[in-house]
């Protein structure tokens, strides 16, 4: 083992392209092909490690952090980082990075795909056609969808992904409302062709509401029963952010009672396991948390992760997307 190379523990299974990139500058411990390391395996291997490569669905808690006696960096293979105990990492002087750029296009594209599927009832019609096959006969007024052209898209959380969704929606002739904690200046709004809305106006004016905010204590249940009742009865909710941004029980009840017309969900509140009642609702489109599930995204995220690690260890932090800066 080259003692001069920092030692890296990769706890996730991902594209093979990651490892030649890492091995140029690091000594790498990788999991068996086809699976992640378990928590016990991470703790067993992390003792002398300089950096840990984590991912959104593997919690990095105090027990793991304390087991890393030499740990200087946690590099998350994701844009989100709520899987990591951020405050404890900061207290221990451990840097945390993420991969914010490579995830933008695929997540925005999935949000838009979910929007089109929900508005045109694609998943519902696909299931119906597979079931009925050549016996299917639809009247001209049966199971009608709605156009997105001319509709108002509300975007909650207007970071990189929210902006990318807005750009795609504008190409479809949609009007864009956005909400974020810190409003853009007027000139930027005009350049982007978007209009700021309060939370109340966002919920009440949007025909389609798409969520793109990070998950934290302030965004927990951002969509709750009260705000669902503010929405138009023909409105559709899209969530490609994090499951707990939505009160899922309140959403199920709103869908069952036609408080809103439909939902399109890539993430779910209970560790991405959908509420079982959702399976029976035709006005719901679901995917199993696949916002970045493209080959291009996975390779791009690997490249971004390696660049962040190289920047941390060899370039004094230059070009590193720090979540926590030591």
Protein backbone atom coordinates (compact mmCIF):
# COMPACT_ATOMS: atom_id res chain seq x y z
CA UNK A 1 0.00 0.00 0.00
CA UNK A 2 1.32 3.44 -0.93
CA UNK A 3 1.36 5.27 2.40
CA UNK A 4 1.43 8.63 0.63
CA UNK A 5 -2.01 8.13 -0.85
CA UNK A 6 -5.00 9.07 1.33
CA UNK A 7 -7.13 6.05 2.19
CA UNK A 8 -10.73 6.19 1.00
CA UNK A 9 -13.64 3.95 2.02
CA UNK A 10 -16.36 3.77 -0.64
CA UNK A 11 -19.45 2.43 1.09
CA UNK A 12 -21.77 2.32 -1.95
CA UNK A 13 -22.11 0.22 -5.06
CA UNK A 14 -22.03 2.32 -8.22
CA UNK A 15 -20.61 2.51 -11.74
CA UNK A 16 -17.20 0.93 -12.27
CA UNK A 17 -15.94 4.18 -13.80
CA UNK A 18 -15.60 5.63 -10.30
CA UNK A 19 -12.68 3.45 -9.25
CA UNK A 20 -10.03 4.24 -11.90
CA UNK A 21 -10.71 7.93 -11.24
CA UNK A 22 -10.19 7.49 -7.51
CA UNK A 23 -7.23 5.15 -7.76
CA UNK A 24 -5.12 7.77 -9.53
CA UNK A 25 -4.70 9.60 -6.24
CA UNK A 26 -6.17 7.44 -3.48
CA UNK A 27 -5.92 4.02 -1.93
CA UNK A 28 -9.45 2.65 -2.20
CA UNK A 29 -11.50 0.22 -0.14
CA UNK A 30 -14.57 -0.72 -2.18
CA UNK A 31 -17.60 -2.89 -1.42
CA UNK A 32 -18.23 -6.24 -3.11
CA UNK A 33 -19.62 -5.86 -6.62
CA UNK A 34 -23.38 -5.47 -6.59
CA UNK A 35 -23.99 -4.28 -3.03
CA UNK A 36 -23.24 -1.55 -0.49
CA UNK A 37 -21.28 -2.06 2.68
CA UNK A 38 -23.48 -2.62 5.73
CA UNK A 39 -23.18 -0.28 8.70
CA UNK A 40 -21.23 -2.92 10.60
CA UNK A 41 -18.82 -3.32 7.68
CA UNK A 42 -18.33 0.44 7.44
CA UNK A 43 -17.53 0.68 11.14
CA UNK A 44 -15.15 -2.28 10.88
CA UNK A 45 -13.21 -0.68 8.00
CA UNK A 46 -13.29 3.06 8.73
CA UNK A 47 -10.73 3.23 11.54
CA UNK A 48 -7.69 4.39 9.52
CA UNK A 49 -9.62 5.94 6.64
CA UNK A 50 -9.00 9.56 5.58
CA UNK A 51 -12.19 9.96 3.55
CA UNK A 52 -15.58 8.26 3.33
CA UNK A 53 -17.69 8.18 0.17
CA UNK A 54 -21.33 7.98 1.23
CA UNK A 55 -24.73 8.13 -0.46
CA UNK A 56 -28.19 9.48 0.37
CA UNK A 57 -29.69 6.18 1.55
CA UNK A 58 -26.83 5.17 3.86
CA UNK A 59 -27.06 7.09 7.17
CA UNK A 60 -23.73 8.42 8.41
CA UNK A 61 -24.38 8.86 12.12
CA UNK A 62 -22.26 9.59 15.17
CA UNK A 63 -21.34 5.93 15.63
CA UNK A 64 -19.79 5.75 12.18
CA UNK A 65 -18.15 9.17 12.48
CA UNK A 66 -16.61 8.32 15.86
CA UNK A 67 -15.25 5.04 14.45
CA UNK A 68 -13.24 7.01 11.87
CA UNK A 69 -10.19 7.95 13.90
CA UNK A 70 -8.45 9.67 10.96
CA UNK A 71 -11.56 10.80 9.11
CA UNK A 72 -11.18 14.22 7.49
CA UNK A 73 -13.77 14.16 4.70
CA UNK A 74 -17.22 12.73 4.01
CA UNK A 75 -17.99 13.03 0.31
CA UNK A 76 -21.65 12.35 -0.47
CA UNK A 77 -22.54 10.80 -3.82
CA UNK A 78 -25.73 12.90 -4.02
CA UNK A 79 -26.92 16.49 -3.95
CA UNK A 80 -28.81 15.96 -0.68
CA UNK A 81 -26.94 15.38 2.57
CA UNK A 82 -29.61 14.79 5.19
CA UNK A 83 -28.24 11.24 5.54
CA UNK A 84 -25.20 12.74 7.30
CA UNK A 85 -25.09 14.13 10.84
CA UNK A 86 -23.93 17.53 9.61
CA UNK A 87 -23.65 19.27 12.97
CA UNK A 88 -21.63 16.45 14.47
CA UNK A 89 -19.33 16.41 11.43
CA UNK A 90 -18.80 20.15 11.86
CA UNK A 91 -18.10 19.74 15.57
CA UNK A 92 -15.49 17.06 14.78
CA UNK A 93 -13.80 19.23 12.15
CA UNK A 94 -14.77 16.86 9.32
CA UNK A 95 -15.51 18.38 5.92
CA UNK A 96 -18.59 17.31 3.97
CA UNK A 97 -19.05 17.64 0.21
CA UNK A 98 -21.76 16.66 -2.27
CA UNK A 99 -22.32 16.39 -6.03
CA UNK A 100 -24.69 19.27 -6.90
CA UNK A 101 -24.07 19.66 -10.62
CA UNK A 102 -24.39 16.22 -12.20
CA UNK A 103 -27.83 15.68 -10.69
CA UNK A 104 -29.46 18.80 -12.16
CA UNK A 105 -30.47 17.64 -15.64
CA UNK A 106 -31.65 14.10 -14.80
CA UNK A 107 -33.72 15.21 -11.80
CA UNK A 108 -35.30 18.06 -13.77
CA UNK A 109 -36.06 15.69 -16.62
CA UNK A 110 -37.68 13.18 -14.27
CA UNK A 111 -39.80 15.94 -12.69
CA UNK A 112 -40.98 16.93 -16.13
CA UNK A 113 -41.60 13.33 -17.15
CA UNK A 114 -43.72 12.86 -14.03
CA UNK A 115 -45.60 16.04 -14.83
CA UNK A 116 -46.45 14.87 -18.35
CA UNK A 117 -47.34 11.40 -17.10
CA UNK A 118 -49.72 12.84 -14.50
CA UNK A 119 -51.36 15.41 -16.77
CA UNK A 120 -51.84 12.95 -19.65
CA UNK A 121 -52.59 9.98 -17.35
CA UNK A 122 -49.92 7.91 -19.06
CA UNK A 123 -49.31 5.36 -16.30
CA UNK A 124 -53.05 4.86 -15.79
CA UNK A 125 -53.66 4.37 -19.51
CA UNK A 126 -50.65 2.07 -19.82
CA UNK A 127 -52.02 -0.17 -17.06
CA UNK A 128 -55.47 -0.14 -18.64
CA UNK A 129 -54.19 -1.03 -22.10
CA UNK A 130 -52.06 -3.89 -20.79
CA UNK A 131 -55.07 -5.25 -18.91
CA UNK A 132 -57.72 -4.88 -21.62
CA UNK A 133 -55.42 -5.19 -24.66
CA UNK A 134 -57.44 -5.30 -27.89
CA UNK A 135 -60.71 -5.19 -25.94
CA UNK A 136 -60.06 -1.65 -24.76
CA UNK A 137 -62.48 0.93 -26.07
CA UNK A 138 -62.27 4.52 -24.84
CA UNK A 139 -64.92 7.08 -25.59
CA UNK A 140 -63.82 10.53 -26.70
CA UNK A 141 -64.56 11.84 -23.20
CA UNK A 142 -63.12 8.97 -21.17
CA UNK A 143 -60.04 9.48 -18.95
CA UNK A 144 -59.18 12.84 -20.44
CA UNK A 145 -55.93 14.49 -19.49
CA UNK A 146 -55.05 18.19 -19.47
CA UNK A 147 -52.61 20.31 -21.45
CA UNK A 148 -49.60 21.85 -19.76
CA UNK A 149 -49.43 24.63 -22.36
CA UNK A 150 -50.68 27.84 -20.81
CA UNK A 151 -50.82 26.39 -17.31
CA UNK A 152 -49.12 27.85 -14.23
CA UNK A 153 -46.26 25.82 -12.79
CA UNK A 154 -45.34 26.62 -9.21
CA UNK A 155 -41.80 25.73 -8.15
CA UNK A 156 -41.04 25.48 -4.44
CA UNK A 157 -37.31 25.73 -3.98
CA UNK A 158 -35.63 27.61 -6.80
CA UNK A 159 -32.09 26.29 -6.79
CA UNK A 160 -30.30 24.65 -9.70
CA UNK A 161 -32.89 21.91 -10.22
CA UNK A 162 -35.85 24.25 -9.81
CA UNK A 163 -34.36 26.57 -12.43
CA UNK A 164 -33.77 23.67 -14.80
CA UNK A 165 -37.42 22.61 -14.45
CA UNK A 166 -38.52 26.20 -15.11
CA UNK A 167 -36.47 26.33 -18.30
CA UNK A 168 -38.04 23.13 -19.60
CA UNK A 169 -41.53 24.29 -18.63
CA UNK A 170 -41.10 27.57 -20.47
CA UNK A 171 -40.31 25.62 -23.63
CA UNK A 172 -43.76 24.03 -23.20
CA UNK A 173 -45.43 27.43 -22.90
CA UNK A 174 -46.04 27.38 -19.15
CA UNK A 175 -46.14 30.35 -16.76
CA UNK A 176 -43.70 30.06 -13.85
CA UNK A 177 -44.21 31.02 -10.22
CA UNK A 178 -41.43 30.35 -7.75
CA UNK A 179 -40.95 30.45 -4.01
CA UNK A 180 -37.66 30.43 -2.11
CA UNK A 181 -36.62 31.85 1.23
CA UNK A 182 -34.51 34.59 -0.35
CA UNK A 183 -36.20 36.22 -3.31
CA UNK A 184 -34.22 36.92 -6.47
CA UNK A 185 -33.77 40.52 -7.50
CA UNK A 186 -36.24 41.92 -10.00
CA UNK A 187 -33.76 42.03 -12.87
CA UNK A 188 -32.94 38.33 -12.49
CA UNK A 189 -36.63 37.44 -12.31
CA UNK A 190 -37.22 39.27 -15.56
CA UNK A 191 -34.23 37.60 -17.21
CA UNK A 192 -35.44 34.17 -16.13
CA UNK A 193 -39.08 34.92 -16.97
CA UNK A 194 -40.38 33.89 -13.55
CA UNK A 195 -42.59 35.54 -10.93
CA UNK A 196 -42.09 35.37 -7.18
CA UNK A 197 -45.02 34.10 -5.09
CA UNK A 198 -45.67 33.92 -1.40
CA UNK A 199 -46.33 30.43 -0.04
CA UNK A 200 -50.07 31.15 -0.01
CA UNK A 201 -50.09 32.37 -3.62
CA UNK A 202 -47.87 29.51 -4.74
CA UNK A 203 -50.34 26.94 -3.45
CA UNK A 204 -53.49 28.75 -4.55
CA UNK A 205 -52.40 29.83 -8.05
CA UNK A 206 -50.42 26.82 -9.29
CA UNK A 207 -52.03 24.34 -11.65
CA UNK A 208 -49.02 22.12 -11.08
CA UNK A 209 -46.76 22.44 -8.03
CA UNK A 210 -43.27 20.92 -8.18
CA UNK A 211 -41.09 20.57 -5.08
CA UNK A 212 -37.32 21.11 -5.30
CA UNK A 213 -36.25 22.14 -1.80
CA UNK A 214 -33.68 20.41 0.42
CA UNK A 215 -35.01 18.52 3.40
CA UNK A 216 -34.39 20.04 6.82
CA UNK A 217 -36.37 20.95 9.93
CA UNK A 218 -37.79 24.02 8.20
CA UNK A 219 -39.02 22.11 5.13
CA UNK A 220 -40.46 19.15 7.07
CA UNK A 221 -44.10 18.76 5.94
CA UNK A 222 -43.88 21.92 3.84
CA UNK A 223 -46.91 20.43 2.11
CA UNK A 224 -49.44 19.65 4.83
CA UNK A 225 -53.21 19.28 5.02
CA UNK A 226 -53.80 23.01 5.35
CA UNK A 227 -51.72 23.89 2.30
CA UNK A 228 -53.23 21.08 0.25
CA UNK A 229 -56.62 22.66 0.88
CA UNK A 230 -55.27 25.92 -0.58
CA UNK A 231 -54.67 24.21 -3.92
CA UNK A 232 -57.04 24.13 -6.87
CA UNK A 233 -59.14 20.95 -7.09
CA UNK A 234 -57.64 20.34 -10.55
CA UNK A 235 -54.05 20.85 -9.32
CA UNK A 236 -51.28 18.25 -9.43
CA UNK A 237 -48.43 17.92 -6.93
CA UNK A 238 -44.98 16.68 -8.00
CA UNK A 239 -42.27 15.67 -5.53
CA UNK A 240 -38.74 14.81 -6.65
CA UNK A 241 -37.14 16.42 -3.57
CA UNK A 242 -37.37 14.38 -0.36
CA UNK A 243 -40.32 12.39 0.92
CA UNK A 244 -40.78 14.15 4.25
CA UNK A 245 -41.22 17.53 2.57
CA UNK A 246 -44.80 16.24 2.16
CA UNK A 247 -47.12 15.02 4.90
CA UNK A 248 -47.88 11.79 3.08
CA UNK A 249 -50.91 10.88 5.15
CA UNK A 250 -52.44 14.29 4.44
CA UNK A 251 -51.65 13.86 0.74
CA UNK A 252 -53.32 10.44 0.57
CA UNK A 253 -56.46 11.82 2.18
CA UNK A 254 -56.46 14.82 -0.18
CA UNK A 255 -56.18 12.51 -3.19
CA UNK A 256 -58.89 10.17 -1.92
CA UNK A 257 -61.26 13.10 -1.33
CA UNK A 258 -60.39 14.90 -4.60
CA UNK A 259 -59.04 17.92 -2.73
CA UNK A 260 -56.45 17.93 -5.54
CA UNK A 261 -56.57 16.07 -8.83
CA UNK A 262 -53.38 14.06 -8.65
CA UNK A 263 -49.78 13.58 -7.59
CA UNK A 264 -46.55 12.39 -9.15
CA UNK A 265 -44.00 11.15 -6.63
CA UNK A 266 -40.43 9.93 -6.82
CA UNK A 267 -39.81 10.09 -3.06
CA UNK A 268 -41.79 8.98 -0.03
CA UNK A 269 -41.86 9.81 3.65
CA UNK A 270 -41.18 6.37 5.16
CA UNK A 271 -37.64 5.70 3.92
CA UNK A 272 -38.95 5.89 0.34
CA UNK A 273 -41.56 3.21 0.93
CA UNK A 274 -44.91 4.52 -0.35
CA UNK A 275 -47.95 4.60 1.88
CA UNK A 276 -49.78 1.42 0.82
CA UNK A 277 -52.94 3.38 0.04
CA UNK A 278 -51.13 5.10 -2.82
CA UNK A 279 -50.94 1.85 -4.79
CA UNK A 280 -54.72 1.83 -5.21
CA UNK A 281 -55.04 5.39 -6.51
CA UNK A 282 -55.21 5.88 -10.26
CA UNK A 283 -54.54 9.60 -9.86
CA UNK A 284 -51.00 8.92 -8.61
CA UNK A 285 -47.86 8.30 -10.65
CA UNK A 286 -44.92 6.82 -8.73
CA UNK A 287 -41.26 6.04 -9.37
CA UNK A 288 -38.87 4.49 -6.79
CA UNK A 289 -36.51 7.45 -6.11
CA UNK A 290 -34.79 7.40 -9.49
CA UNK A 291 -34.14 11.11 -10.02
CA UNK A 292 -30.48 10.48 -10.90
CA UNK A 293 -30.93 6.95 -12.21
CA UNK A 294 -29.28 7.44 -15.58
CA UNK A 295 -25.88 6.19 -16.69
CA UNK A 296 -24.82 9.72 -17.64
CA UNK A 297 -25.73 11.04 -14.21
CA UNK A 298 -23.98 8.24 -12.33
CA UNK A 299 -20.73 8.76 -14.26
CA UNK A 300 -21.05 12.53 -13.89
CA UNK A 301 -21.59 12.19 -10.15
CA UNK A 302 -18.54 9.92 -9.91
CA UNK A 303 -16.45 12.49 -11.75
CA UNK A 304 -17.76 15.28 -9.52
CA UNK A 305 -17.12 13.30 -6.34
CA UNK A 306 -13.53 12.56 -7.39
CA UNK A 307 -12.93 16.18 -8.29
CA UNK A 308 -14.18 17.29 -4.87
CA UNK A 309 -11.92 14.81 -3.11
CA UNK A 310 -8.88 15.82 -5.15
CA UNK A 311 -9.65 19.46 -4.48
CA UNK A 312 -9.87 18.83 -0.75
CA UNK A 313 -6.70 16.78 -0.40
CA UNK A 314 -4.46 18.29 -3.08
CA UNK A 315 -5.75 21.78 -4.05
CA UNK A 316 -6.47 23.42 -0.68
CA UNK A 317 -10.21 23.20 -1.27
CA UNK A 318 -10.20 24.84 -4.68
CA UNK A 319 -13.36 24.00 -6.64
CA UNK A 320 -14.85 21.90 -3.84
CA UNK A 321 -18.65 22.06 -3.24
CA UNK A 322 -18.44 22.18 0.55
CA UNK A 323 -21.49 21.48 2.67
CA UNK A 324 -19.27 21.69 5.75
CA UNK A 325 -15.94 23.50 5.45
CA UNK A 326 -13.49 22.54 8.20
